[in-house]
């Protein structure tokens, strides 16, 4: 999944989410490459944070903003296409094909947020 920010900037943004479980989970679940991409599982992991904030409304709100900044997509648009329960199951699957998530998001590239 293509990021709209550098891997370093994405890390800073993720650390701004006010929840210690997010920070510890980031070390295990966020896989950003120098070429500006993340794994599909990483994309779904952040989607789940933006969806629920692990019962913290503040964490959820910040995670939505972080998601939108990193991927340049409106969270609400993605949320209409991704089933949360499916994302919860798939966010830890290291071999999840990016194509599967990309197919869910087909057409959203034209709706990318402007920097």
C-alpha atoms as a PDB file:
ATOM      1  CA  UNK A   1       0.000   0.000   0.000  1.00  0.00           C
ATOM      2  CA  UNK A   2       1.436   3.350  -1.050  1.00  0.00           C
ATOM      3  CA  UNK A   3       2.036   6.025   1.569  1.00  0.00           C
ATOM      4  CA  UNK A   4       1.835   9.744   0.843  1.00  0.00           C
ATOM      5  CA  UNK A   5       4.516  10.525   3.441  1.00  0.00           C
ATOM      6  CA  UNK A   6       7.981   9.159   4.150  1.00  0.00           C
ATOM      7  CA  UNK A   7       8.446   6.133   6.390  1.00  0.00           C
ATOM      8  CA  UNK A   8      10.010   8.426   9.022  1.00  0.00           C
ATOM      9  CA  UNK A   9       7.090  10.859   8.909  1.00  0.00           C
ATOM     10  CA  UNK A  10       4.623   7.965   9.128  1.00  0.00           C
ATOM     11  CA  UNK A  11       6.404   6.745  12.261  1.00  0.00           C
ATOM     12  CA  UNK A  12       6.166  10.194  13.845  1.00  0.00           C
ATOM     13  CA  UNK A  13       2.479  10.393  12.999  1.00  0.00           C
ATOM     14  CA  UNK A  14       1.791   6.953  14.460  1.00  0.00           C
ATOM     15  CA  UNK A  15       3.573   7.878  17.672  1.00  0.00           C
ATOM     16  CA  UNK A  16       1.194  10.847  17.994  1.00  0.00           C
ATOM     17  CA  UNK A  17      -1.745   8.474  18.564  1.00  0.00           C
ATOM     18  CA  UNK A  18      -2.360   8.808  22.327  1.00  0.00           C
ATOM     19  CA  UNK A  19      -2.451   5.139  23.312  1.00  0.00           C
ATOM     20  CA  UNK A  20       0.411   3.020  24.673  1.00  0.00           C
ATOM     21  CA  UNK A  21      -1.021  -0.151  23.086  1.00  0.00           C
ATOM     22  CA  UNK A  22      -0.767   1.527  19.692  1.00  0.00           C
ATOM     23  CA  UNK A  23       2.873   2.402  20.310  1.00  0.00           C
ATOM     24  CA  UNK A  24       3.808  -1.116  21.410  1.00  0.00           C
ATOM     25  CA  UNK A  25       1.746  -2.621  18.579  1.00  0.00           C
ATOM     26  CA  UNK A  26       3.489  -0.374  16.097  1.00  0.00           C
ATOM     27  CA  UNK A  27       6.787  -2.136  16.759  1.00  0.00           C
ATOM     28  CA  UNK A  28       5.188  -5.487  15.932  1.00  0.00           C
ATOM     29  CA  UNK A  29       2.662  -4.564  13.259  1.00  0.00           C
ATOM     30  CA  UNK A  30       3.807  -1.548  11.245  1.00  0.00           C
ATOM     31  CA  UNK A  31       6.015  -2.544   8.308  1.00  0.00           C
ATOM     32  CA  UNK A  32       7.038   0.437   6.193  1.00  0.00           C
ATOM     33  CA  UNK A  33       9.573   0.131   3.405  1.00  0.00           C
ATOM     34  CA  UNK A  34      11.971   2.792   2.181  1.00  0.00           C
ATOM     35  CA  UNK A  35      10.108   2.814  -1.153  1.00  0.00           C
ATOM     36  CA  UNK A  36       7.086   4.411   0.532  1.00  0.00           C
ATOM     37  CA  UNK A  37       4.881   1.367   0.902  1.00  0.00           C
ATOM     38  CA  UNK A  38       3.487  -0.638   3.806  1.00  0.00           C
ATOM     39  CA  UNK A  39       2.191  -4.162   3.924  1.00  0.00           C
ATOM     40  CA  UNK A  40      -1.534  -4.758   3.522  1.00  0.00           C
ATOM     41  CA  UNK A  41      -1.584  -6.054   7.109  1.00  0.00           C
ATOM     42  CA  UNK A  42      -0.047  -2.747   8.306  1.00  0.00           C
ATOM     43  CA  UNK A  43      -2.693  -0.803   6.403  1.00  0.00           C
ATOM     44  CA  UNK A  44      -5.440  -2.868   8.067  1.00  0.00           C
ATOM     45  CA  UNK A  45      -3.801  -2.539  11.490  1.00  0.00           C
ATOM     46  CA  UNK A  46      -3.976   1.266  11.245  1.00  0.00           C
ATOM     47  CA  UNK A  47      -7.490   1.071   9.792  1.00  0.00           C
ATOM     48  CA  UNK A  48      -8.565  -0.831  12.924  1.00  0.00           C
ATOM     49  CA  UNK A  49      -7.033   1.836  15.165  1.00  0.00           C
ATOM     50  CA  UNK A  50      -8.924   4.506  13.240  1.00  0.00           C
ATOM     51  CA  UNK A  51     -12.114   2.480  13.487  1.00  0.00           C
ATOM     52  CA  UNK A  52     -12.115   1.859  17.259  1.00  0.00           C
ATOM     53  CA  UNK A  53      -9.171   3.553  18.988  1.00  0.00           C
ATOM     54  CA  UNK A  54      -9.238   0.562  21.349  1.00  0.00           C
ATOM     55  CA  UNK A  55     -12.120   2.147  23.242  1.00  0.00           C
ATOM     56  CA  UNK A  56     -10.465   5.568  23.362  1.00  0.00           C
ATOM     57  CA  UNK A  57     -12.351   8.213  21.395  1.00  0.00           C
ATOM     58  CA  UNK A  58      -9.302  10.514  21.448  1.00  0.00           C
ATOM     59  CA  UNK A  59      -7.039   7.749  20.078  1.00  0.00           C
ATOM     60  CA  UNK A  60      -9.637   6.965  17.412  1.00  0.00           C
ATOM     61  CA  UNK A  61      -9.916  10.605  16.332  1.00  0.00           C
ATOM     62  CA  UNK A  62      -6.151  11.038  16.125  1.00  0.00           C
ATOM     63  CA  UNK A  63      -5.771   7.689  14.308  1.00  0.00           C
ATOM     64  CA  UNK A  64      -8.302   8.808  11.677  1.00  0.00           C
ATOM     65  CA  UNK A  65      -6.209  11.909  11.003  1.00  0.00           C
ATOM     66  CA  UNK A  66      -3.003   9.878  10.937  1.00  0.00           C
ATOM     67  CA  UNK A  67      -4.563   7.354   8.529  1.00  0.00           C
ATOM     68  CA  UNK A  68      -5.681  10.147   6.214  1.00  0.00           C
ATOM     69  CA  UNK A  69      -2.288  11.871   6.288  1.00  0.00           C
ATOM     70  CA  UNK A  70      -0.322   8.685   5.678  1.00  0.00           C
ATOM     71  CA  UNK A  71      -2.471   7.291   2.871  1.00  0.00           C
ATOM     72  CA  UNK A  72      -4.082  10.440   1.483  1.00  0.00           C
ATOM     73  CA  UNK A  73      -7.483   8.731   1.581  1.00  0.00           C
ATOM     74  CA  UNK A  74     -10.560   9.746   3.523  1.00  0.00           C
ATOM     75  CA  UNK A  75     -11.087   7.240   6.294  1.00  0.00           C
ATOM     76  CA  UNK A  76     -14.861   7.355   5.790  1.00  0.00           C
ATOM     77  CA  UNK A  77     -14.449   6.359   2.125  1.00  0.00           C
ATOM     78  CA  UNK A  78     -12.241   3.412   3.091  1.00  0.00           C
ATOM     79  CA  UNK A  79     -14.564   2.448   5.930  1.00  0.00           C
ATOM     80  CA  UNK A  80     -17.449   2.078   3.465  1.00  0.00           C
ATOM     81  CA  UNK A  81     -15.470  -0.595   1.603  1.00  0.00           C
ATOM     82  CA  UNK A  82     -13.664  -2.491   4.351  1.00  0.00           C
ATOM     83  CA  UNK A  83     -15.563  -4.743   6.713  1.00  0.00           C
ATOM     84  CA  UNK A  84     -14.155  -4.167  10.188  1.00  0.00           C
ATOM     85  CA  UNK A  85     -14.416  -7.794  11.321  1.00  0.00           C
ATOM     86  CA  UNK A  86     -12.548  -8.930   8.201  1.00  0.00           C
ATOM     87  CA  UNK A  87      -9.859  -6.288   8.800  1.00  0.00           C
ATOM     88  CA  UNK A  88      -9.510  -7.443  12.434  1.00  0.00           C
ATOM     89  CA  UNK A  89      -8.874 -11.020  11.309  1.00  0.00           C
ATOM     90  CA  UNK A  90      -6.512 -10.072   8.487  1.00  0.00           C
ATOM     91  CA  UNK A  91      -4.421  -7.360  10.168  1.00  0.00           C
ATOM     92  CA  UNK A  92      -1.983  -9.901  11.611  1.00  0.00           C
ATOM     93  CA  UNK A  93      -1.718 -12.064   8.501  1.00  0.00           C
ATOM     94  CA  UNK A  94       1.785 -11.328   7.256  1.00  0.00           C
ATOM     95  CA  UNK A  95       1.210 -12.947   3.875  1.00  0.00           C
ATOM     96  CA  UNK A  96      -2.035 -11.121   3.081  1.00  0.00           C
ATOM     97  CA  UNK A  97      -1.764 -10.167  -0.576  1.00  0.00           C
ATOM     98  CA  UNK A  98      -1.777  -6.420  -1.110  1.00  0.00           C
ATOM     99  CA  UNK A  99      -3.882  -7.083  -4.184  1.00  0.00           C
ATOM    100  CA  UNK A 100      -6.791  -8.193  -2.005  1.00  0.00           C
ATOM    101  CA  UNK A 101      -6.831  -4.877  -0.130  1.00  0.00           C
ATOM    102  CA  UNK A 102      -6.098  -2.902  -3.296  1.00  0.00           C
ATOM    103  CA  UNK A 103      -9.148  -4.426  -4.968  1.00  0.00           C
ATOM    104  CA  UNK A 104     -11.324  -3.230  -2.073  1.00  0.00           C
ATOM    105  CA  UNK A 105     -10.029   0.292  -2.565  1.00  0.00           C
ATOM    106  CA  UNK A 106     -10.282   0.417  -6.364  1.00  0.00           C
ATOM    107  CA  UNK A 107     -11.360   3.863  -7.441  1.00  0.00           C
ATOM    108  CA  UNK A 108     -10.378   5.636  -4.238  1.00  0.00           C
ATOM    109  CA  UNK A 109      -7.019   6.691  -5.700  1.00  0.00           C
ATOM    110  CA  UNK A 110      -8.867   9.387  -7.642  1.00  0.00           C
ATOM    111  CA  UNK A 111     -10.277  10.685  -4.338  1.00  0.00           C
ATOM    112  CA  UNK A 112      -6.903  11.140  -2.635  1.00  0.00           C
ATOM    113  CA  UNK A 113      -6.785  14.100  -0.325  1.00  0.00           C
ATOM    114  CA  UNK A 114      -4.657  16.995  -1.442  1.00  0.00           C
ATOM    115  CA  UNK A 115      -1.523  17.668   0.638  1.00  0.00           C
END
